[in-house]
Amino acid sequence: MRVIICSHEADIDGIYSASVALMKFPRANLSFYNYGLDNFKKMFDYIKNESKKSTTGLVVISDLGINDDKVSALCVDSIQYLKRRQWSVIWVDHHPWQKKSLMSIRKMCKSFHNSSGKKCATEIMYEKFMYKNKIAEQLKMIAHSSDFMSDIKRHDSRVSELIHFYRNSVNSRQKLEFLAQKASNGILWDSDMQEDYVKFLKVADFQKRESLKTLTIKKILSFDVAFVFTYPYVQASLFSHELFSNLMVDLVMLINRHGKVSIRRNSDRLSCSKIAAYLVEGGGHEFASGGMLKSNPKDLTACIKEMEEAVVKSLK
């Protein structure tokens, strides 16, 4: 049976959950995607095209949640198409979904969903498919630490940074696939990865310094919020924690050249997901979320104003 694994391209949880799925289905094809209607359309276009090559098949989708009505409609239509071609779908995720979307998907495919904020996708994948496997167990522990930043002092950020480097490099798809394949075989670091990581550090350190030049801190109601324009090789979560360590701020909002916003909090009195709800295609967790801006990313003043408004609305 033909098997396709589709997972989130942006972080360790996306890569390692795909690795655990690959351990269960070792002959599967891997592909990685990001959030947004266009990215989901690209994913399902690929899956539909592959479904034409085989009378039966299985799609495993991991670490990708539905946070938009248009995305939900696309997913429903696409899964119905796959079912007509005798393909089945397994969806593993830990992000908050709209209740309507979750109910629709559960009617059409096998869904393993846990949005408690206590488990990442790799943990769910481990429990459902590779329970007690030593390699899978190690992967789910690393993914949990990375996704929830539960032990920052001991967290090894190199793989997270390397994923970010590969996403913004030539042949990104192939490089992400190699990472997932290596991890599924228990190879978490090797000489090739080290060589690429050294290349990344040289560029990333420079781009962090350039990003810091755009730093703006504003008082919004009783909260100090940092706004920063980030360059391609600056990894959002890790950079946010650096800012929290060096600045007395409650919230960090990062914007990149495409108008994508990454939101991270340093106070439980703030909800990143509520803020993201006021952005385009916004969604995520209480502690970390994202979305898109309507404003031109080149107009930083307009972008900051739009992000400010989202924060204010979330606090009403």
C-alpha atoms as a PDB file:
ATOM      1  CA  MET A   1       0.000   0.000   0.000  1.00  0.00           C
ATOM      2  CA  ARG A   2       1.216   3.467  -0.903  1.00  0.00           C
ATOM      3  CA  VAL A   3       1.767   5.675   2.174  1.00  0.00           C
ATOM      4  CA  ILE A   4       2.392   9.427   2.268  1.00  0.00           C
ATOM      5  CA  ILE A   5       3.444  11.287   5.422  1.00  0.00           C
ATOM      6  CA  CYS A   6       2.778  15.042   5.501  1.00  0.00           C
ATOM      7  CA  SER A   7       4.024  17.040   8.462  1.00  0.00           C
ATOM      8  CA  HIS A   8       4.835  20.539   9.692  1.00  0.00           C
ATOM      9  CA  GLU A   9       8.085  21.856   8.248  1.00  0.00           C
ATOM     10  CA  ALA A  10       8.872  24.484  10.864  1.00  0.00           C
ATOM     11  CA  ASP A  11      10.138  22.702  13.965  1.00  0.00           C
ATOM     12  CA  ILE A  12      11.412  19.581  15.701  1.00  0.00           C
ATOM     13  CA  ASP A  13       7.916  18.333  16.519  1.00  0.00           C
ATOM     14  CA  GLY A  14       6.958  18.386  12.856  1.00  0.00           C
ATOM     15  CA  ILE A  15      10.126  16.597  11.767  1.00  0.00           C
ATOM     16  CA  TYR A  16      10.268  14.048  14.591  1.00  0.00           C
ATOM     17  CA  SER A  17       6.558  13.183  14.460  1.00  0.00           C
ATOM     18  CA  ALA A  18       7.158  12.386  10.784  1.00  0.00           C
ATOM     19  CA  SER A  19      10.172  10.291  11.845  1.00  0.00           C
ATOM     20  CA  VAL A  20       8.041   8.214  14.212  1.00  0.00           C
ATOM     21  CA  ALA A  21       5.420   7.756  11.480  1.00  0.00           C
ATOM     22  CA  LEU A  22       8.225   6.671   9.144  1.00  0.00           C
ATOM     23  CA  MET A  23       9.276   4.033  11.671  1.00  0.00           C
ATOM     24  CA  LYS A  24       5.735   2.636  11.464  1.00  0.00           C
ATOM     25  CA  PHE A  25       5.571   2.974   7.671  1.00  0.00           C
ATOM     26  CA  PRO A  26       9.223   2.694   6.504  1.00  0.00           C
ATOM     27  CA  ARG A  27       8.425   2.816   2.771  1.00  0.00           C
ATOM     28  CA  ALA A  28       6.353   5.988   3.023  1.00  0.00           C
ATOM     29  CA  ASN A  29       7.055   9.167   1.062  1.00  0.00           C
ATOM     30  CA  LEU A  30       7.765  12.247   3.181  1.00  0.00           C
ATOM     31  CA  SER A  31       6.718  15.827   2.528  1.00  0.00           C
ATOM     32  CA  PHE A  32       6.640  18.935   4.714  1.00  0.00           C
ATOM     33  CA  TYR A  33       4.406  22.008   4.738  1.00  0.00           C
ATOM     34  CA  ASN A  34       3.606  25.165   6.661  1.00  0.00           C
ATOM     35  CA  TYR A  35       0.335  26.780   7.705  1.00  0.00           C
ATOM     36  CA  GLY A  36      -1.965  28.881   5.540  1.00  0.00           C
ATOM     37  CA  LEU A  37      -4.495  28.163   2.802  1.00  0.00           C
ATOM     38  CA  ASP A  38      -1.921  28.179  -0.005  1.00  0.00           C
ATOM     39  CA  ASN A  39       0.314  25.697   1.821  1.00  0.00           C
ATOM     40  CA  PHE A  40      -2.556  23.333   2.611  1.00  0.00           C
ATOM     41  CA  LYS A  41      -3.675  23.545  -1.018  1.00  0.00           C
ATOM     42  CA  LYS A  42      -0.153  22.635  -2.109  1.00  0.00           C
ATOM     43  CA  MET A  43      -0.193  19.661   0.268  1.00  0.00           C
ATOM     44  CA  PHE A  44      -3.522  18.288  -0.924  1.00  0.00           C
ATOM     45  CA  ASP A  45      -2.696  18.906  -4.592  1.00  0.00           C
ATOM     46  CA  TYR A  46       0.383  16.722  -4.093  1.00  0.00           C
ATOM     47  CA  ILE A  47      -1.614  14.034  -2.265  1.00  0.00           C
ATOM     48  CA  LYS A  48      -4.373  13.999  -4.899  1.00  0.00           C
ATOM     49  CA  ASN A  49      -1.814  13.670  -7.666  1.00  0.00           C
ATOM     50  CA  GLU A  50      -0.159  10.745  -5.866  1.00  0.00           C
ATOM     51  CA  SER A  51      -3.544   9.083  -5.263  1.00  0.00           C
ATOM     52  CA  LYS A  52      -4.018   8.821  -9.027  1.00  0.00           C
ATOM     53  CA  LYS A  53      -1.019   6.469  -9.171  1.00  0.00           C
ATOM     54  CA  SER A  54      -2.470   3.867  -6.810  1.00  0.00           C
ATOM     55  CA  THR A  55      -5.937   2.394  -6.264  1.00  0.00           C
ATOM     56  CA  THR A  56      -5.507   2.390  -2.469  1.00  0.00           C
ATOM     57  CA  GLY A  57      -3.323   4.317  -0.080  1.00  0.00           C
ATOM     58  CA  LEU A  58      -2.852   5.999   3.263  1.00  0.00           C
ATOM     59  CA  VAL A  59      -2.063   9.605   4.169  1.00  0.00           C
ATOM     60  CA  VAL A  60      -0.656  10.442   7.602  1.00  0.00           C
ATOM     61  CA  ILE A  61      -0.885  14.150   8.457  1.00  0.00           C
ATOM     62  CA  SER A  62       0.993  15.327  11.528  1.00  0.00           C
ATOM     63  CA  ASP A  63       1.484  18.524  13.544  1.00  0.00           C
ATOM     64  CA  LEU A  64      -0.751  20.558  11.242  1.00  0.00           C
ATOM     65  CA  GLY A  65      -3.940  22.018  12.683  1.00  0.00           C
ATOM     66  CA  ILE A  66      -6.984  23.620  11.084  1.00  0.00           C
ATOM     67  CA  ASN A  67      -7.558  27.190  12.280  1.00  0.00           C
ATOM     68  CA  ASP A  68      -9.468  28.747   9.391  1.00  0.00           C
ATOM     69  CA  ASP A  69     -12.853  28.135   7.726  1.00  0.00           C
ATOM     70  CA  LYS A  70     -11.387  28.160   4.214  1.00  0.00           C
ATOM     71  CA  VAL A  71      -8.683  25.683   5.215  1.00  0.00           C
ATOM     72  CA  SER A  72     -11.330  23.514   6.867  1.00  0.00           C
ATOM     73  CA  ALA A  73     -13.468  23.474   3.706  1.00  0.00           C
ATOM     74  CA  LEU A  74     -10.416  22.582   1.603  1.00  0.00           C
ATOM     75  CA  CYS A  75      -9.534  19.697   3.927  1.00  0.00           C
ATOM     76  CA  VAL A  76     -13.075  18.315   3.895  1.00  0.00           C
ATOM     77  CA  ASP A  77     -13.303  18.438   0.092  1.00  0.00           C
ATOM     78  CA  SER A  78      -9.852  16.878  -0.314  1.00  0.00           C
ATOM     79  CA  ILE A  79     -10.452  14.029   2.121  1.00  0.00           C
ATOM     80  CA  GLN A  80     -13.782  13.260   0.450  1.00  0.00           C
ATOM     81  CA  TYR A  81     -11.922  13.051  -2.872  1.00  0.00           C
ATOM     82  CA  LEU A  82      -9.354  10.678  -1.365  1.00  0.00           C
ATOM     83  CA  LYS A  83     -12.032   8.462   0.155  1.00  0.00           C
ATOM     84  CA  ARG A  84     -13.683   8.111  -3.247  1.00  0.00           C
ATOM     85  CA  ARG A  85     -10.349   6.795  -4.512  1.00  0.00           C
ATOM     86  CA  GLN A  86     -10.163   4.257  -1.654  1.00  0.00           C
ATOM     87  CA  TRP A  87      -7.510   6.204   0.239  1.00  0.00           C
ATOM     88  CA  SER A  88      -7.680   6.665   4.006  1.00  0.00           C
ATOM     89  CA  VAL A  89      -6.330   9.460   6.207  1.00  0.00           C
ATOM     90  CA  ILE A  90      -4.862   9.485   9.717  1.00  0.00           C
ATOM     91  CA  TRP A  91      -4.532  12.955  11.271  1.00  0.00           C
ATOM     92  CA  VAL A  92      -2.330  13.474  14.352  1.00  0.00           C
ATOM     93  CA  ASP A  93      -2.224  16.910  15.961  1.00  0.00           C
ATOM     94  CA  HIS A  94      -2.020  18.846  19.218  1.00  0.00           C
ATOM     95  CA  HIS A  95      -3.109  22.362  18.191  1.00  0.00           C
ATOM     96  CA  PRO A  96      -6.446  23.918  19.196  1.00  0.00           C
ATOM     97  CA  TRP A  97      -9.025  23.442  16.427  1.00  0.00           C
ATOM     98  CA  GLN A  98     -12.413  24.960  15.878  1.00  0.00           C
ATOM     99  CA  LYS A  99     -14.967  22.447  17.167  1.00  0.00           C
ATOM    100  CA  LYS A 100     -16.815  22.404  13.850  1.00  0.00           C
ATOM    101  CA  SER A 101     -13.630  21.573  11.911  1.00  0.00           C
ATOM    102  CA  LEU A 102     -12.627  18.825  14.322  1.00  0.00           C
ATOM    103  CA  MET A 103     -16.054  17.177  14.138  1.00  0.00           C
ATOM    104  CA  SER A 104     -16.038  17.312  10.323  1.00  0.00           C
ATOM    105  CA  ILE A 105     -12.604  15.693  10.055  1.00  0.00           C
ATOM    106  CA  ARG A 106     -13.394  13.008  12.628  1.00  0.00           C
ATOM    107  CA  LYS A 107     -16.390  11.890  10.569  1.00  0.00           C
ATOM    108  CA  MET A 108     -14.171  11.188   7.559  1.00  0.00           C
ATOM    109  CA  CYS A 109     -10.863   9.927   8.909  1.00  0.00           C
ATOM    110  CA  LYS A 110      -9.074   8.546  11.944  1.00  0.00           C
ATOM    111  CA  SER A 111      -8.075  11.485  14.125  1.00  0.00           C
ATOM    112  CA  PHE A 112      -5.741  11.475  17.127  1.00  0.00           C
ATOM    113  CA  HIS A 113      -6.107  14.953  18.567  1.00  0.00           C
ATOM    114  CA  ASN A 114      -4.978  16.305  21.937  1.00  0.00           C
ATOM    115  CA  SER A 115      -5.063  20.065  22.471  1.00  0.00           C
ATOM    116  CA  SER A 116      -4.546  19.934  26.247  1.00  0.00           C
ATOM    117  CA  GLY A 117      -1.260  21.796  25.907  1.00  0.00           C
ATOM    118  CA  LYS A 118       0.544  18.919  27.603  1.00  0.00           C
ATOM    119  CA  LYS A 119       1.467  16.758  24.607  1.00  0.00           C
ATOM    120  CA  CYS A 120       3.161  17.460  21.300  1.00  0.00           C
ATOM    121  CA  ALA A 121       2.440  15.642  18.036  1.00  0.00           C
ATOM    122  CA  THR A 122       5.480  13.370  18.391  1.00  0.00           C
ATOM    123  CA  GLU A 123       4.218  12.157  21.767  1.00  0.00           C
ATOM    124  CA  ILE A 124       0.810  11.316  20.307  1.00  0.00           C
ATOM    125  CA  MET A 125       2.452   9.570  17.350  1.00  0.00           C
ATOM    126  CA  TYR A 126       4.671   7.587  19.748  1.00  0.00           C
ATOM    127  CA  GLU A 127       1.718   6.478  21.890  1.00  0.00           C
ATOM    128  CA  LYS A 128      -0.442   5.454  18.936  1.00  0.00           C
ATOM    129  CA  PHE A 129       2.123   3.814  16.655  1.00  0.00           C
ATOM    130  CA  MET A 130       5.518   3.089  18.261  1.00  0.00           C
ATOM    131  CA  TYR A 131       4.863   2.730  22.001  1.00  0.00           C
ATOM    132  CA  LYS A 132       7.876   1.443  23.963  1.00  0.00           C
ATOM    133  CA  ASN A 133      10.202   1.745  20.964  1.00  0.00           C
ATOM    134  CA  LYS A 134      13.424   3.218  22.387  1.00  0.00           C
ATOM    135  CA  ILE A 135      14.247   5.481  19.436  1.00  0.00           C
ATOM    136  CA  ALA A 136      10.686   6.810  19.202  1.00  0.00           C
ATOM    137  CA  GLU A 137      10.660   7.380  22.955  1.00  0.00           C
ATOM    138  CA  GLN A 138      13.817   9.473  22.707  1.00  0.00           C
ATOM    139  CA  LEU A 139      12.369  11.492  19.824  1.00  0.00           C
ATOM    140  CA  LYS A 140       9.160  12.294  21.697  1.00  0.00           C
ATOM    141  CA  MET A 141      11.131  13.475  24.748  1.00  0.00           C
ATOM    142  CA  ILE A 142      13.250  15.810  22.610  1.00  0.00           C
ATOM    143  CA  ALA A 143      10.211  17.088  20.708  1.00  0.00           C
ATOM    144  CA  HIS A 144       8.316  17.817  23.929  1.00  0.00           C
ATOM    145  CA  SER A 145      11.226  19.764  25.393  1.00  0.00           C
ATOM    146  CA  SER A 146      11.588  21.752  22.173  1.00  0.00           C
ATOM    147  CA  ASP A 147       7.900  22.452  21.568  1.00  0.00           C
ATOM    148  CA  PHE A 148       7.062  23.528  25.112  1.00  0.00           C
ATOM    149  CA  MET A 149      10.507  24.900  26.037  1.00  0.00           C
ATOM    150  CA  SER A 150      10.064  22.965  29.285  1.00  0.00           C
ATOM    151  CA  ASP A 151      13.759  22.798  30.171  1.00  0.00           C
ATOM    152  CA  ILE A 152      15.425  25.762  28.497  1.00  0.00           C
ATOM    153  CA  LYS A 153      18.769  25.434  30.297  1.00  0.00           C
ATOM    154  CA  ARG A 154      19.256  21.859  29.076  1.00  0.00           C
ATOM    155  CA  HIS A 155      17.594  22.296  25.697  1.00  0.00           C
ATOM    156  CA  ASP A 156      19.904  21.609  22.756  1.00  0.00           C
ATOM    157  CA  SER A 157      18.830  24.141  20.138  1.00  0.00           C
ATOM    158  CA  ARG A 158      21.042  22.909  17.294  1.00  0.00           C
ATOM    159  CA  VAL A 159      18.460  20.736  15.521  1.00  0.00           C
ATOM    160  CA  SER A 160      15.819  23.492  15.764  1.00  0.00           C
ATOM    161  CA  GLU A 161      18.261  25.956  14.235  1.00  0.00           C
ATOM    162  CA  LEU A 162      19.299  23.489  11.545  1.00  0.00           C
ATOM    163  CA  ILE A 163      15.660  22.910  10.575  1.00  0.00           C
ATOM    164  CA  HIS A 164      15.221  26.665  10.229  1.00  0.00           C
ATOM    165  CA  PHE A 165      18.409  26.842   8.138  1.00  0.00           C
ATOM    166  CA  TYR A 166      17.250  24.048   5.828  1.00  0.00           C
ATOM    167  CA  ARG A 167      13.796  25.612   5.378  1.00  0.00           C
ATOM    168  CA  ASN A 168      15.450  28.725   3.988  1.00  0.00           C
ATOM    169  CA  SER A 169      18.031  26.912   1.849  1.00  0.00           C
ATOM    170  CA  VAL A 170      18.191  25.473  -1.647  1.00  0.00           C
ATOM    171  CA  ASN A 171      16.824  21.902  -1.778  1.00  0.00           C
ATOM    172  CA  SER A 172      14.989  22.481   1.517  1.00  0.00           C
ATOM    173  CA  ARG A 173      12.552  19.612   0.948  1.00  0.00           C
ATOM    174  CA  GLN A 174      15.327  17.086   0.410  1.00  0.00           C
ATOM    175  CA  LYS A 175      17.271  18.293   3.457  1.00  0.00           C
ATOM    176  CA  LEU A 176      14.239  18.117   5.753  1.00  0.00           C
ATOM    177  CA  GLU A 177      13.489  14.617   4.478  1.00  0.00           C
ATOM    178  CA  PHE A 178      17.066  13.557   5.274  1.00  0.00           C
ATOM    179  CA  LEU A 179      16.689  14.896   8.837  1.00  0.00           C
ATOM    180  CA  ALA A 180      13.484  12.921   9.380  1.00  0.00           C
ATOM    181  CA  GLN A 181      14.949   9.756   7.853  1.00  0.00           C
ATOM    182  CA  LYS A 182      18.091   9.988   9.992  1.00  0.00           C
ATOM    183  CA  ALA A 183      16.070  10.522  13.162  1.00  0.00           C
ATOM    184  CA  SER A 184      13.872   7.510  12.370  1.00  0.00           C
ATOM    185  CA  ASN A 185      17.080   5.449  12.367  1.00  0.00           C
ATOM    186  CA  GLY A 186      18.266   6.940  15.652  1.00  0.00           C
ATOM    187  CA  ILE A 187      20.804   9.319  14.069  1.00  0.00           C
ATOM    188  CA  LEU A 188      20.244  12.650  15.816  1.00  0.00           C
ATOM    189  CA  TRP A 189      23.504  14.338  14.760  1.00  0.00           C
ATOM    190  CA  ASP A 190      26.307  13.583  12.333  1.00  0.00           C
ATOM    191  CA  SER A 191      29.247  15.250  10.575  1.00  0.00           C
ATOM    192  CA  ASP A 192      27.125  16.548   7.675  1.00  0.00           C
ATOM    193  CA  MET A 193      24.712  18.217  10.078  1.00  0.00           C
ATOM    194  CA  GLN A 194      27.609  19.714  12.029  1.00  0.00           C
ATOM    195  CA  GLU A 195      29.113  21.139   8.844  1.00  0.00           C
ATOM    196  CA  ASP A 196      25.790  22.735   7.881  1.00  0.00           C
ATOM    197  CA  TYR A 197      25.310  24.054  11.416  1.00  0.00           C
ATOM    198  CA  VAL A 198      28.641  25.888  11.334  1.00  0.00           C
ATOM    199  CA  LYS A 199      27.552  27.555   8.076  1.00  0.00           C
ATOM    200  CA  PHE A 200      24.253  28.528   9.682  1.00  0.00           C
ATOM    201  CA  LEU A 201      25.868  30.120  12.743  1.00  0.00           C
ATOM    202  CA  LYS A 202      27.941  32.512  10.661  1.00  0.00           C
ATOM    203  CA  VAL A 203      24.864  33.901   8.918  1.00  0.00           C
ATOM    204  CA  ALA A 204      22.449  33.700  11.858  1.00  0.00           C
ATOM    205  CA  ASP A 205      24.625  35.667  14.281  1.00  0.00           C
ATOM    206  CA  PHE A 206      24.885  38.529  11.808  1.00  0.00           C
ATOM    207  CA  GLN A 207      21.145  38.490  11.089  1.00  0.00           C
ATOM    208  CA  LYS A 208      20.295  38.513  14.808  1.00  0.00           C
ATOM    209  CA  ARG A 209      22.307  41.697  15.224  1.00  0.00           C
ATOM    210  CA  GLU A 210      20.554  43.250  12.235  1.00  0.00           C
ATOM    211  CA  SER A 211      17.155  42.201  13.596  1.00  0.00           C
ATOM    212  CA  LEU A 212      17.878  43.804  16.972  1.00  0.00           C
ATOM    213  CA  LYS A 213      18.365  47.139  15.230  1.00  0.00           C
ATOM    214  CA  THR A 214      14.622  47.114  14.455  1.00  0.00           C
ATOM    215  CA  LEU A 215      13.580  46.455  18.076  1.00  0.00           C
ATOM    216  CA  THR A 216      10.678  48.580  19.337  1.00  0.00           C
ATOM    217  CA  ILE A 217       9.245  48.213  22.852  1.00  0.00           C
ATOM    218  CA  LYS A 218       5.790  49.603  23.613  1.00  0.00           C
ATOM    219  CA  LYS A 219       3.613  49.681  26.695  1.00  0.00           C
ATOM    220  CA  ILE A 220       0.193  48.235  25.825  1.00  0.00           C
ATOM    221  CA  LEU A 221      -2.152  48.602  28.776  1.00  0.00           C
ATOM    222  CA  SER A 222      -0.060  47.079  31.591  1.00  0.00           C
ATOM    223  CA  PHE A 223       2.194  44.959  29.356  1.00  0.00           C
ATOM    224  CA  ASP A 224       5.593  45.638  27.796  1.00  0.00           C
ATOM    225  CA  VAL A 225       5.602  44.320  24.239  1.00  0.00           C
ATOM    226  CA  ALA A 226       8.650  43.944  21.986  1.00  0.00           C
ATOM    227  CA  PHE A 227       8.228  44.198  18.206  1.00  0.00           C
ATOM    228  CA  VAL A 228      11.085  43.039  15.974  1.00  0.00           C
ATOM    229  CA  PHE A 229      11.543  42.558  12.227  1.00  0.00           C
ATOM    230  CA  THR A 230      13.470  39.313  11.760  1.00  0.00           C
ATOM    231  CA  TYR A 231      15.688  38.205   8.902  1.00  0.00           C
ATOM    232  CA  PRO A 232      15.397  34.726   7.306  1.00  0.00           C
ATOM    233  CA  TYR A 233      17.906  32.797   9.434  1.00  0.00           C
ATOM    234  CA  VAL A 234      16.602  34.020  12.799  1.00  0.00           C
ATOM    235  CA  GLN A 235      14.663  31.202  14.478  1.00  0.00           C
ATOM    236  CA  ALA A 236      11.573  32.692  16.147  1.00  0.00           C
ATOM    237  CA  SER A 237      11.214  30.659  19.353  1.00  0.00           C
ATOM    238  CA  LEU A 238      14.888  30.700  20.270  1.00  0.00           C
ATOM    239  CA  PHE A 239      15.262  34.398  19.439  1.00  0.00           C
ATOM    240  CA  SER A 240      12.183  35.201  21.541  1.00  0.00           C
ATOM    241  CA  HIS A 241      13.693  33.451  24.553  1.00  0.00           C
ATOM    242  CA  GLU A 242      16.898  35.419  24.077  1.00  0.00           C
ATOM    243  CA  LEU A 243      14.843  38.614  24.143  1.00  0.00           C
ATOM    244  CA  PHE A 244      12.994  37.510  27.281  1.00  0.00           C
ATOM    245  CA  SER A 245      16.341  36.796  28.951  1.00  0.00           C
ATOM    246  CA  ASN A 246      17.784  40.204  28.088  1.00  0.00           C
ATOM    247  CA  LEU A 247      14.733  42.477  28.221  1.00  0.00           C
ATOM    248  CA  MET A 248      11.986  43.090  30.770  1.00  0.00           C
ATOM    249  CA  VAL A 249       9.134  42.373  28.350  1.00  0.00           C
ATOM    250  CA  ASP A 250       5.929  40.356  28.656  1.00  0.00           C
ATOM    251  CA  LEU A 251       5.353  39.604  24.985  1.00  0.00           C
ATOM    252  CA  VAL A 252       7.427  39.327  21.820  1.00  0.00           C
ATOM    253  CA  MET A 253       5.954  39.746  18.344  1.00  0.00           C
ATOM    254  CA  LEU A 254       8.279  38.983  15.448  1.00  0.00           C
ATOM    255  CA  ILE A 255       7.513  39.792  11.820  1.00  0.00           C
ATOM    256  CA  ASN A 256       9.397  38.526   8.782  1.00  0.00           C
ATOM    257  CA  ARG A 257       9.698  39.745   5.195  1.00  0.00           C
ATOM    258  CA  HIS A 258       6.572  37.811   4.148  1.00  0.00           C
ATOM    259  CA  GLY A 259       4.359  39.434   6.781  1.00  0.00           C
ATOM    260  CA  LYS A 260       4.275  36.330   8.984  1.00  0.00           C
ATOM    261  CA  VAL A 261       4.027  37.072  12.698  1.00  0.00           C
ATOM    262  CA  SER A 262       5.390  34.835  15.468  1.00  0.00           C
ATOM    263  CA  ILE A 263       3.983  35.489  18.946  1.00  0.00           C
ATOM    264  CA  ARG A 264       5.616  34.353  22.201  1.00  0.00           C
ATOM    265  CA  ARG A 265       4.681  35.252  25.762  1.00  0.00           C
ATOM    266  CA  ASN A 266       6.549  35.697  29.036  1.00  0.00           C
ATOM    267  CA  SER A 267       3.399  36.131  31.132  1.00  0.00           C
ATOM    268  CA  ASP A 268       0.511  33.739  31.736  1.00  0.00           C
ATOM    269  CA  ARG A 269      -1.809  36.754  31.801  1.00  0.00           C
ATOM    270  CA  LEU A 270      -1.472  36.938  28.021  1.00  0.00           C
ATOM    271  CA  SER A 271      -2.821  34.471  25.458  1.00  0.00           C
ATOM    272  CA  CYS A 272      -0.858  34.182  22.222  1.00  0.00           C
ATOM    273  CA  SER A 273      -3.722  32.319  20.555  1.00  0.00           C
ATOM    274  CA  LYS A 274      -6.206  35.089  21.409  1.00  0.00           C
ATOM    275  CA  ILE A 275      -3.862  37.665  19.886  1.00  0.00           C
ATOM    276  CA  ALA A 276      -3.350  35.495  16.799  1.00  0.00           C
ATOM    277  CA  ALA A 277      -7.124  35.249  16.354  1.00  0.00           C
ATOM    278  CA  TYR A 278      -7.103  38.912  15.278  1.00  0.00           C
ATOM    279  CA  LEU A 279      -4.519  38.275  12.542  1.00  0.00           C
ATOM    280  CA  VAL A 280      -5.003  36.703   9.113  1.00  0.00           C
ATOM    281  CA  GLU A 281      -4.967  32.879   9.335  1.00  0.00           C
ATOM    282  CA  GLY A 282      -3.973  33.226  12.980  1.00  0.00           C
ATOM    283  CA  GLY A 283      -3.817  30.327  15.399  1.00  0.00           C
ATOM    284  CA  GLY A 284      -1.691  28.221  17.708  1.00  0.00           C
ATOM    285  CA  HIS A 285      -1.244  27.681  21.428  1.00  0.00           C
ATOM    286  CA  GLU A 286      -1.689  29.877  24.489  1.00  0.00           C
ATOM    287  CA  PHE A 287       2.100  30.127  24.825  1.00  0.00           C
ATOM    288  CA  ALA A 288       3.073  30.360  21.146  1.00  0.00           C
ATOM    289  CA  SER A 289       1.077  31.323  18.061  1.00  0.00           C
ATOM    290  CA  GLY A 290       1.346  32.931  14.665  1.00  0.00           C
ATOM    291  CA  GLY A 291      -0.500  34.576  11.824  1.00  0.00           C
ATOM    292  CA  MET A 292      -0.195  36.933   8.884  1.00  0.00           C
ATOM    293  CA  LEU A 293      -0.513  40.713   8.614  1.00  0.00           C
ATOM    294  CA  LYS A 294      -2.613  42.691   6.161  1.00  0.00           C
ATOM    295  CA  SER A 295      -0.010  45.475   6.207  1.00  0.00           C
ATOM    296  CA  ASN A 296       2.948  45.663   3.841  1.00  0.00           C
ATOM    297  CA  PRO A 297       5.927  44.023   5.640  1.00  0.00           C
ATOM    298  CA  LYS A 298       8.162  46.811   4.302  1.00  0.00           C
ATOM    299  CA  ASP A 299       6.133  49.353   6.301  1.00  0.00           C
ATOM    300  CA  LEU A 300       7.244  48.470   9.831  1.00  0.00           C
ATOM    301  CA  THR A 301       5.265  51.318  11.408  1.00  0.00           C
ATOM    302  CA  ALA A 302       2.007  50.042   9.884  1.00  0.00           C
ATOM    303  CA  CYS A 303       2.877  46.471  10.883  1.00  0.00           C
ATOM    304  CA  ILE A 304       3.504  47.436  14.502  1.00  0.00           C
ATOM    305  CA  LYS A 305       0.217  49.339  14.601  1.00  0.00           C
ATOM    306  CA  GLU A 306      -1.668  46.285  13.305  1.00  0.00           C
ATOM    307  CA  MET A 307       0.024  44.032  15.861  1.00  0.00           C
ATOM    308  CA  GLU A 308      -0.712  46.530  18.650  1.00  0.00           C
ATOM    309  CA  GLU A 309      -4.391  46.493  17.721  1.00  0.00           C
ATOM    310  CA  ALA A 310      -4.446  42.693  17.870  1.00  0.00           C
ATOM    311  CA  VAL A 311      -2.982  42.746  21.388  1.00  0.00           C
ATOM    312  CA  VAL A 312      -5.484  45.371  22.580  1.00  0.00           C
ATOM    313  CA  LYS A 313      -8.453  43.458  21.114  1.00  0.00           C
ATOM    314  CA  SER A 314      -7.300  40.238  22.788  1.00  0.00           C
ATOM    315  CA  LEU A 315      -7.323  41.931  26.193  1.00  0.00           C
ATOM    316  CA  LYS A 316     -10.866  43.306  25.990  1.00  0.00           C
END
